[in-house]
N, C-alpha and C. Protein backbone atom coordinates (compact mmCIF):
# COMPACT_ATOMS: atom_id res chain seq x y z
N MET A 1 129.85 112.04 64.64
CA MET A 1 128.48 112.24 64.24
C MET A 1 127.58 111.15 64.81
N LEU A 2 128.07 109.92 64.80
CA LEU A 2 127.31 108.81 65.35
C LEU A 2 127.10 108.98 66.85
N GLU A 3 128.15 109.52 67.50
CA GLU A 3 128.04 109.77 68.95
C GLU A 3 126.97 110.80 69.25
N ASP A 4 126.88 111.85 68.44
CA ASP A 4 125.85 112.87 68.62
C ASP A 4 124.46 112.26 68.48
N SER A 5 124.31 111.38 67.50
CA SER A 5 123.01 110.73 67.30
C SER A 5 122.64 109.87 68.50
N LEU A 6 123.62 109.15 69.05
CA LEU A 6 123.36 108.30 70.22
C LEU A 6 122.99 109.14 71.44
N VAL A 7 123.65 110.28 71.60
CA VAL A 7 123.34 111.18 72.71
C VAL A 7 121.91 111.69 72.58
N HIS A 8 121.53 112.07 71.38
CA HIS A 8 120.17 112.56 71.16
C HIS A 8 119.14 111.45 71.37
N ILE A 9 119.45 110.25 70.94
CA ILE A 9 118.53 109.13 71.14
C ILE A 9 118.38 108.84 72.63
N ASP A 10 119.50 108.88 73.37
CA ASP A 10 119.43 108.67 74.82
C ASP A 10 118.57 109.73 75.49
N ARG A 11 118.74 110.97 75.08
CA ARG A 11 117.93 112.05 75.66
C ARG A 11 116.46 111.84 75.36
N ILE A 12 116.15 111.43 74.14
CA ILE A 12 114.75 111.19 73.76
C ILE A 12 114.17 110.06 74.59
N LEU A 13 114.94 109.00 74.81
CA LEU A 13 114.46 107.87 75.61
C LEU A 13 114.19 108.29 77.06
N VAL A 14 115.07 109.12 77.60
CA VAL A 14 114.88 109.62 78.97
C VAL A 14 113.61 110.47 79.05
N ILE A 15 113.43 111.34 78.07
CA ILE A 15 112.24 112.20 78.06
C ILE A 15 110.97 111.36 77.92
N GLU A 16 111.01 110.35 77.05
CA GLU A 16 109.84 109.48 76.90
C GLU A 16 109.52 108.74 78.19
N ALA A 17 110.54 108.29 78.89
CA ALA A 17 110.32 107.60 80.18
C ALA A 17 109.71 108.56 81.19
N MET A 18 110.17 109.79 81.20
CA MET A 18 109.62 110.79 82.13
C MET A 18 108.15 111.07 81.80
N VAL A 19 107.84 111.17 80.51
CA VAL A 19 106.46 111.42 80.10
C VAL A 19 105.57 110.25 80.51
N ASP A 20 106.07 109.01 80.35
CA ASP A 20 105.30 107.84 80.76
C ASP A 20 105.03 107.87 82.27
N ASP A 21 106.04 108.24 83.06
CA ASP A 21 105.85 108.34 84.51
C ASP A 21 104.81 109.40 84.85
N MET A 22 104.88 110.53 84.16
CA MET A 22 103.92 111.61 84.41
C MET A 22 102.50 111.17 84.04
N ARG A 23 102.38 110.42 82.96
CA ARG A 23 101.05 109.92 82.57
C ARG A 23 100.48 108.99 83.62
N SER A 24 101.30 108.07 84.12
CA SER A 24 100.79 107.15 85.13
C SER A 24 100.44 107.88 86.42
N GLN A 25 101.22 108.90 86.79
CA GLN A 25 100.88 109.70 87.97
C GLN A 25 99.58 110.46 87.73
N ASN A 26 99.39 110.97 86.53
CA ASN A 26 98.17 111.70 86.20
C ASN A 26 96.96 110.76 86.26
N GLU A 27 97.11 109.54 85.76
CA GLU A 27 96.01 108.58 85.81
C GLU A 27 95.67 108.21 87.25
N ALA A 28 96.69 108.04 88.09
CA ALA A 28 96.45 107.73 89.49
C ALA A 28 95.73 108.88 90.19
N THR A 29 96.14 110.11 89.89
CA THR A 29 95.48 111.28 90.47
C THR A 29 94.04 111.36 90.01
N HIS A 30 93.81 111.07 88.75
CA HIS A 30 92.45 111.09 88.20
C HIS A 30 91.57 110.06 88.92
N ARG A 31 92.10 108.86 89.14
CA ARG A 31 91.33 107.83 89.85
C ARG A 31 91.01 108.28 91.28
N LEU A 32 92.00 108.87 91.96
CA LEU A 32 91.76 109.34 93.33
C LEU A 32 90.70 110.43 93.37
N LEU A 33 90.76 111.36 92.42
CA LEU A 33 89.76 112.43 92.39
C LEU A 33 88.37 111.88 92.07
N ARG A 34 88.31 110.91 91.17
CA ARG A 34 87.03 110.30 90.84
C ARG A 34 86.44 109.60 92.07
N ASP A 35 87.29 108.87 92.80
CA ASP A 35 86.82 108.20 94.02
C ASP A 35 86.44 109.20 95.09
N LEU A 36 87.14 110.31 95.16
CA LEU A 36 86.83 111.35 96.13
C LEU A 36 85.48 111.97 95.86
N ASN A 37 85.13 112.14 94.60
CA ASN A 37 83.84 112.71 94.23
C ASN A 37 82.69 111.79 94.62
N LYS A 38 82.95 110.51 94.77
CA LYS A 38 81.91 109.56 95.16
C LYS A 38 81.60 109.63 96.65
N LEU A 39 82.51 110.20 97.44
CA LEU A 39 82.31 110.28 98.88
C LEU A 39 81.32 111.38 99.24
N SER A 40 80.72 111.23 100.42
CA SER A 40 79.85 112.30 100.92
C SER A 40 80.74 113.46 101.36
N PRO A 41 80.18 114.66 101.51
CA PRO A 41 81.02 115.82 101.91
C PRO A 41 81.76 115.59 103.23
N ALA A 42 81.12 114.95 104.22
CA ALA A 42 81.79 114.72 105.49
C ALA A 42 82.94 113.74 105.32
N GLN A 43 82.75 112.70 104.52
CA GLN A 43 83.82 111.75 104.28
C GLN A 43 84.96 112.39 103.50
N ALA A 44 84.64 113.25 102.56
CA ALA A 44 85.66 113.89 101.75
C ALA A 44 86.54 114.80 102.59
N ARG A 45 85.97 115.44 103.60
CA ARG A 45 86.74 116.32 104.47
C ARG A 45 87.39 115.55 105.60
N ASN A 46 87.14 114.23 105.68
CA ASN A 46 87.66 113.38 106.74
C ASN A 46 87.22 113.90 108.11
N VAL A 47 85.96 114.31 108.19
CA VAL A 47 85.38 114.84 109.42
C VAL A 47 84.58 113.73 110.08
N PRO A 48 84.75 113.54 111.39
CA PRO A 48 83.95 112.51 112.05
C PRO A 48 82.48 112.91 112.07
N ASP A 49 81.64 111.91 112.21
CA ASP A 49 80.21 112.18 112.31
C ASP A 49 79.93 113.07 113.52
N PRO A 50 78.94 113.95 113.43
CA PRO A 50 78.65 114.83 114.56
C PRO A 50 78.19 114.02 115.77
N ILE A 51 78.47 114.55 116.95
CA ILE A 51 78.08 113.88 118.19
C ILE A 51 76.58 114.06 118.38
N ARG A 52 75.93 112.98 118.64
CA ARG A 52 74.49 113.03 118.86
C ARG A 52 74.21 113.05 120.35
N PRO A 53 73.20 113.82 120.78
CA PRO A 53 72.87 113.84 122.21
C PRO A 53 72.34 112.47 122.62
N PRO A 54 72.58 112.09 123.89
CA PRO A 54 72.12 110.77 124.35
C PRO A 54 70.60 110.71 124.38
N THR A 55 70.09 109.54 124.14
CA THR A 55 68.64 109.33 124.23
C THR A 55 68.28 109.11 125.69
N ARG A 56 67.01 109.12 125.99
CA ARG A 56 66.57 109.03 127.39
C ARG A 56 67.00 107.74 128.07
N GLY A 57 66.97 106.64 127.38
CA GLY A 57 67.29 105.36 128.00
C GLY A 57 68.77 105.03 127.99
N SER A 58 69.61 105.82 127.37
CA SER A 58 71.03 105.46 127.27
C SER A 58 71.77 105.84 128.54
N ALA A 59 72.88 105.16 128.75
CA ALA A 59 73.71 105.43 129.94
C ALA A 59 74.46 106.74 129.74
N GLN A 60 74.72 107.41 130.84
CA GLN A 60 75.48 108.66 130.79
C GLN A 60 76.93 108.36 130.44
N SER A 61 77.51 109.18 129.62
CA SER A 61 78.93 109.02 129.32
C SER A 61 79.74 109.67 130.43
N SER A 62 81.05 109.48 130.40
CA SER A 62 81.90 110.06 131.43
C SER A 62 81.82 111.58 131.37
N PRO A 63 81.96 112.24 132.51
CA PRO A 63 81.86 113.71 132.52
C PRO A 63 83.00 114.33 131.73
N ILE A 64 82.74 115.51 131.19
CA ILE A 64 83.75 116.24 130.43
C ILE A 64 84.74 116.85 131.41
N PRO A 65 86.05 116.65 131.20
CA PRO A 65 87.02 117.21 132.13
C PRO A 65 86.99 118.74 132.11
N THR A 66 87.30 119.32 133.25
CA THR A 66 87.30 120.77 133.36
C THR A 66 88.54 121.33 132.68
N SER A 67 88.48 122.58 132.31
CA SER A 67 89.58 123.24 131.63
C SER A 67 90.76 123.39 132.57
N SER A 68 91.94 123.24 132.01
CA SER A 68 93.16 123.39 132.82
C SER A 68 93.80 124.76 132.60
N ALA A 69 93.03 125.72 132.11
CA ALA A 69 93.58 127.03 131.79
C ALA A 69 94.13 127.73 133.02
N GLY A 70 93.52 127.54 134.19
CA GLY A 70 93.97 128.21 135.39
C GLY A 70 95.05 127.46 136.13
N GLN A 71 95.37 126.24 135.70
CA GLN A 71 96.36 125.45 136.40
C GLN A 71 97.76 125.80 135.93
N ARG A 72 98.71 125.69 136.85
CA ARG A 72 100.10 125.97 136.53
C ARG A 72 100.70 124.71 135.91
N LYS A 73 101.43 124.87 134.83
CA LYS A 73 102.03 123.73 134.16
C LYS A 73 103.39 123.45 134.77
N ASN A 74 103.60 122.18 135.09
CA ASN A 74 104.88 121.75 135.65
C ASN A 74 105.71 121.14 134.53
N PHE A 75 106.94 121.56 134.40
CA PHE A 75 107.83 120.97 133.42
C PHE A 75 109.26 121.12 133.91
N LEU A 76 110.13 120.28 133.40
CA LEU A 76 111.54 120.30 133.79
C LEU A 76 112.28 121.31 132.94
N LYS A 77 113.21 122.00 133.59
CA LYS A 77 114.04 122.95 132.88
C LYS A 77 115.43 122.34 132.73
N PRO A 78 116.07 122.52 131.60
CA PRO A 78 117.43 121.99 131.46
C PRO A 78 118.40 122.80 132.31
N SER A 79 119.48 122.13 132.71
CA SER A 79 120.47 122.84 133.52
C SER A 79 121.25 123.81 132.64
N ALA A 80 121.83 124.81 133.27
CA ALA A 80 122.62 125.78 132.55
C ALA A 80 123.89 125.10 132.02
N PRO A 81 124.41 125.54 130.87
CA PRO A 81 125.63 124.90 130.35
C PRO A 81 126.82 125.19 131.24
N SER A 82 127.78 124.28 131.21
CA SER A 82 128.98 124.49 132.02
C SER A 82 129.78 125.66 131.43
N LYS A 83 130.64 126.20 132.26
CA LYS A 83 131.40 127.39 131.85
C LYS A 83 132.37 127.00 130.75
N PHE A 84 132.43 127.82 129.69
CA PHE A 84 133.30 127.55 128.55
C PHE A 84 134.73 127.88 128.93
N ASN A 85 135.64 126.90 128.70
CA ASN A 85 137.04 127.13 129.07
C ASN A 85 137.94 127.41 127.88
N GLY A 86 137.39 127.46 126.68
CA GLY A 86 138.16 127.81 125.50
C GLY A 86 138.76 126.63 124.76
N ASP A 87 138.65 125.44 125.30
CA ASP A 87 139.20 124.26 124.61
C ASP A 87 138.28 123.78 123.54
């Protein structure tokens, strides 16, 4: 009978520890959500600021590379496997 009580007490202690862990995770999530609400929409989406057109006095940026859609892609192909001899 004493053993049964100890088993139940151990189970209760494990459950209480799990609940404490869940509470701390919940509090951390709440803090993150609260901080997220303080951000602007662009910051919240982790979107970079939009590109602004250059002003008249600014230097030209490097030209935009052309599309490589029409170019053939070069890549190495693996060799065929050796013939299986049954070993």
